[in-house]
Amino acid sequence: MQFNKCSRCGCFFVSSGDVCPNCQPKDNFEMNKLKDFLEDSDINCSMESISYDTGISMKNLNRYFSKDSFVDYKPDTQL
């Protein structure tokens, strides 16, 4: 276990992972929403359109796309 800073809200917490326990359910919800969106949409859509259509921030999209569960998907543009 480490002392970490939450990637979502910025608070400090002691745990493994990149988000605090309070933000973990939000992260899980958004990742599931993103997976559903990618399964149902055009694979060549841009990060901006994904963010607009899903309501997920660009910051969080970039973080999610760096995870292993999204390794097969490469959006047109990344920040």
N, C-alpha and C. Protein backbone atom coordinates (compact mmCIF):
# COMPACT_ATOMS: atom_id res chain seq x y z
N MET A 1 0.83 -1.18 0.00
CA MET A 1 0.00 0.00 0.00
C MET A 1 0.88 1.25 0.00
N GLN A 2 0.40 2.25 -0.73
CA GLN A 2 1.17 3.47 -0.87
C GLN A 2 0.29 4.68 -0.58
N PHE A 3 0.94 5.81 -0.33
CA PHE A 3 0.27 7.09 -0.19
C PHE A 3 0.17 7.67 -1.59
N ASN A 4 -1.04 7.79 -2.14
CA ASN A 4 -1.26 8.21 -3.52
C ASN A 4 -2.14 9.44 -3.59
N LYS A 5 -2.09 10.09 -4.76
CA LYS A 5 -2.99 11.21 -5.05
C LYS A 5 -4.00 10.72 -6.08
N CYS A 6 -5.27 10.92 -5.81
CA CYS A 6 -6.35 10.46 -6.70
C CYS A 6 -6.28 11.17 -8.04
N SER A 7 -6.34 10.40 -9.11
CA SER A 7 -6.31 10.94 -10.47
C SER A 7 -7.58 11.70 -10.82
N ARG A 8 -8.66 11.44 -10.14
CA ARG A 8 -9.93 12.12 -10.41
C ARG A 8 -10.10 13.39 -9.61
N CYS A 9 -10.01 13.28 -8.28
CA CYS A 9 -10.36 14.42 -7.42
C CYS A 9 -9.16 15.11 -6.79
N GLY A 10 -8.01 14.46 -6.80
CA GLY A 10 -6.80 15.08 -6.27
C GLY A 10 -6.57 14.87 -4.78
N CYS A 11 -7.48 14.19 -4.10
CA CYS A 11 -7.26 13.98 -2.67
C CYS A 11 -6.21 12.88 -2.47
N PHE A 12 -5.60 12.89 -1.31
CA PHE A 12 -4.60 11.88 -0.98
C PHE A 12 -5.27 10.72 -0.26
N PHE A 13 -4.77 9.51 -0.53
CA PHE A 13 -5.34 8.32 0.09
C PHE A 13 -4.27 7.25 0.20
N VAL A 14 -4.51 6.29 1.07
CA VAL A 14 -3.58 5.18 1.25
C VAL A 14 -4.24 3.93 0.69
N SER A 15 -3.70 3.45 -0.43
CA SER A 15 -4.24 2.26 -1.09
C SER A 15 -3.45 2.04 -2.36
N SER A 16 -3.68 0.93 -3.00
CA SER A 16 -3.10 0.72 -4.32
C SER A 16 -4.10 1.24 -5.35
N GLY A 17 -3.64 1.56 -6.52
CA GLY A 17 -4.51 2.09 -7.55
C GLY A 17 -4.31 3.57 -7.74
N ASP A 18 -5.00 4.11 -8.74
CA ASP A 18 -4.79 5.53 -9.06
C ASP A 18 -5.97 6.42 -8.69
N VAL A 19 -7.04 5.85 -8.14
CA VAL A 19 -8.17 6.66 -7.67
C VAL A 19 -8.51 6.28 -6.23
N CYS A 20 -9.04 7.25 -5.50
CA CYS A 20 -9.40 7.02 -4.10
C CYS A 20 -10.66 6.14 -4.01
N PRO A 21 -10.93 5.58 -2.84
CA PRO A 21 -12.12 4.74 -2.67
C PRO A 21 -13.42 5.47 -2.99
N ASN A 22 -13.48 6.78 -2.77
CA ASN A 22 -14.70 7.53 -3.09
C ASN A 22 -14.92 7.65 -4.59
N CYS A 23 -13.86 7.72 -5.37
CA CYS A 23 -13.97 7.89 -6.82
C CYS A 23 -14.01 6.57 -7.59
N GLN A 24 -13.67 5.47 -6.94
CA GLN A 24 -13.63 4.18 -7.62
C GLN A 24 -14.96 3.80 -8.27
N PRO A 25 -16.11 3.97 -7.59
CA PRO A 25 -17.38 3.65 -8.26
C PRO A 25 -17.64 4.52 -9.49
N LYS A 26 -17.25 5.80 -9.44
CA LYS A 26 -17.40 6.69 -10.60
C LYS A 26 -16.53 6.21 -11.75
N ASP A 27 -15.30 5.82 -11.43
CA ASP A 27 -14.39 5.31 -12.46
C ASP A 27 -14.95 4.03 -13.09
N ASN A 28 -15.43 3.12 -12.28
CA ASN A 28 -16.00 1.87 -12.81
C ASN A 28 -17.20 2.16 -13.71
N PHE A 29 -18.07 3.08 -13.28
CA PHE A 29 -19.23 3.44 -14.07
C PHE A 29 -18.81 4.02 -15.42
N GLU A 30 -17.85 4.96 -15.41
CA GLU A 30 -17.41 5.58 -16.66
C GLU A 30 -16.70 4.59 -17.58
N MET A 31 -15.90 3.69 -17.02
CA MET A 31 -15.22 2.70 -17.87
C MET A 31 -16.23 1.76 -18.51
N ASN A 32 -17.25 1.35 -17.78
CA ASN A 32 -18.30 0.51 -18.36
C ASN A 32 -19.07 1.27 -19.44
N LYS A 33 -19.35 2.54 -19.18
CA LYS A 33 -20.03 3.38 -20.15
C LYS A 33 -19.18 3.51 -21.42
N LEU A 34 -17.89 3.69 -21.25
CA LEU A 34 -16.98 3.80 -22.40
C LEU A 34 -16.91 2.49 -23.18
N LYS A 35 -16.83 1.37 -22.50
CA LYS A 35 -16.81 0.07 -23.18
C LYS A 35 -18.08 -0.13 -23.99
N ASP A 36 -19.22 0.18 -23.40
CA ASP A 36 -20.49 0.06 -24.12
C ASP A 36 -20.53 0.98 -25.33
N PHE A 37 -20.06 2.20 -25.17
CA PHE A 37 -20.03 3.15 -26.28
C PHE A 37 -19.15 2.64 -27.42
N LEU A 38 -17.98 2.12 -27.09
CA LEU A 38 -17.05 1.65 -28.11
C LEU A 38 -17.58 0.43 -28.85
N GLU A 39 -18.32 -0.42 -28.15
CA GLU A 39 -18.91 -1.59 -28.79
C GLU A 39 -20.01 -1.21 -29.78
N ASP A 40 -20.70 -0.11 -29.50
CA ASP A 40 -21.85 0.30 -30.30
C ASP A 40 -21.54 1.38 -31.33
N SER A 41 -20.32 1.90 -31.37
CA SER A 41 -20.05 3.06 -32.23
C SER A 41 -18.94 2.79 -33.23
N ASP A 42 -18.69 3.81 -34.04
CA ASP A 42 -17.63 3.78 -35.04
C ASP A 42 -16.28 3.78 -34.35
N ILE A 43 -15.44 2.84 -34.66
CA ILE A 43 -14.14 2.70 -34.03
C ILE A 43 -13.21 3.86 -34.36
N ASN A 44 -13.50 4.62 -35.40
CA ASN A 44 -12.62 5.70 -35.83
C ASN A 44 -13.04 7.07 -35.31
N CYS A 45 -13.85 7.14 -34.28
CA CYS A 45 -14.27 8.44 -33.78
C CYS A 45 -13.14 9.07 -32.96
N SER A 46 -13.17 10.39 -32.88
CA SER A 46 -12.11 11.12 -32.20
C SER A 46 -12.35 11.16 -30.69
N MET A 47 -11.31 11.53 -29.97
CA MET A 47 -11.42 11.67 -28.52
C MET A 47 -12.47 12.72 -28.17
N GLU A 48 -12.50 13.80 -28.94
CA GLU A 48 -13.46 14.87 -28.67
C GLU A 48 -14.90 14.37 -28.81
N SER A 49 -15.15 13.58 -29.85
CA SER A 49 -16.52 13.08 -30.04
C SER A 49 -16.87 12.04 -28.99
N ILE A 50 -15.92 11.24 -28.58
CA ILE A 50 -16.17 10.27 -27.50
C ILE A 50 -16.51 11.01 -26.22
N SER A 51 -15.74 12.04 -25.90
CA SER A 51 -15.98 12.83 -24.71
C SER A 51 -17.35 13.48 -24.75
N TYR A 52 -17.69 14.06 -25.89
CA TYR A 52 -18.99 14.73 -26.05
C TYR A 52 -20.14 13.73 -25.92
N ASP A 53 -20.02 12.59 -26.59
CA ASP A 53 -21.11 11.61 -26.62
C ASP A 53 -21.30 10.88 -25.29
N THR A 54 -20.21 10.68 -24.55
CA THR A 54 -20.30 9.92 -23.30
C THR A 54 -20.38 10.80 -22.06
N GLY A 55 -19.92 12.04 -22.18
CA GLY A 55 -19.87 12.92 -21.01
C GLY A 55 -18.66 12.66 -20.13
N ILE A 56 -17.71 11.88 -20.61
CA ILE A 56 -16.49 11.57 -19.87
C ILE A 56 -15.43 12.60 -20.25
N SER A 57 -14.75 13.15 -19.26
CA SER A 57 -13.77 14.20 -19.52
C SER A 57 -12.59 13.65 -20.34
N MET A 58 -11.93 14.55 -21.06
CA MET A 58 -10.76 14.16 -21.84
C MET A 58 -9.66 13.61 -20.92
N LYS A 59 -9.51 14.20 -19.76
CA LYS A 59 -8.50 13.74 -18.79
C LYS A 59 -8.74 12.28 -18.44
N ASN A 60 -9.99 11.95 -18.13
CA ASN A 60 -10.30 10.57 -17.76
C ASN A 60 -10.22 9.64 -18.96
N LEU A 61 -10.63 10.10 -20.13
CA LEU A 61 -10.50 9.26 -21.34
C LEU A 61 -9.04 8.88 -21.58
N ASN A 62 -8.16 9.85 -21.50
CA ASN A 62 -6.73 9.55 -21.70
C ASN A 62 -6.24 8.55 -20.68
N ARG A 63 -6.70 8.67 -19.45
CA ARG A 63 -6.30 7.73 -18.40
C ARG A 63 -6.85 6.34 -18.68
N TYR A 64 -8.11 6.25 -19.10
CA TYR A 64 -8.71 4.95 -19.38
C TYR A 64 -8.03 4.27 -20.57
N PHE A 65 -7.74 5.04 -21.62
CA PHE A 65 -7.12 4.45 -22.80
C PHE A 65 -5.70 3.97 -22.55
N SER A 66 -5.09 4.41 -21.47
CA SER A 66 -3.75 3.91 -21.13
C SER A 66 -3.82 2.60 -20.36
N LYS A 67 -5.02 2.18 -19.98
CA LYS A 67 -5.19 0.91 -19.24
C LYS A 67 -5.22 -0.27 -20.21
N ASP A 68 -4.87 -1.43 -19.70
CA ASP A 68 -4.82 -2.65 -20.51
C ASP A 68 -6.17 -3.02 -21.11
N SER A 69 -7.26 -2.70 -20.44
CA SER A 69 -8.58 -3.10 -20.94
C SER A 69 -8.97 -2.36 -22.22
N PHE A 70 -8.26 -1.29 -22.56
CA PHE A 70 -8.55 -0.53 -23.78
C PHE A 70 -7.37 -0.56 -24.75
N VAL A 71 -6.48 -1.52 -24.60
CA VAL A 71 -5.27 -1.57 -25.41
C VAL A 71 -5.57 -1.75 -26.91
N ASP A 72 -6.66 -2.39 -27.26
CA ASP A 72 -6.99 -2.61 -28.67
C ASP A 72 -7.60 -1.40 -29.35
N TYR A 73 -8.00 -0.42 -28.57
CA TYR A 73 -8.63 0.77 -29.14
C TYR A 73 -7.66 1.93 -29.15
N LYS A 74 -7.45 2.52 -30.30
CA LYS A 74 -6.58 3.69 -30.43
C LYS A 74 -7.40 4.82 -31.04
N PRO A 75 -7.79 5.80 -30.24
CA PRO A 75 -8.58 6.91 -30.79
C PRO A 75 -7.77 7.74 -31.79
N ASP A 76 -8.49 8.50 -32.62
CA ASP A 76 -7.84 9.31 -33.65
C ASP A 76 -6.89 10.34 -33.07
N THR A 77 -7.28 11.00 -31.99
CA THR A 77 -6.42 12.02 -31.40
C THR A 77 -6.39 11.85 -29.91
N GLN A 78 -5.22 12.07 -29.32
CA GLN A 78 -5.09 12.06 -27.89
C GLN A 78 -4.37 13.32 -27.48
N LEU A 79 -4.65 13.79 -26.27
CA LEU A 79 -3.98 14.97 -25.74
C LEU A 79 -2.68 14.58 -25.10
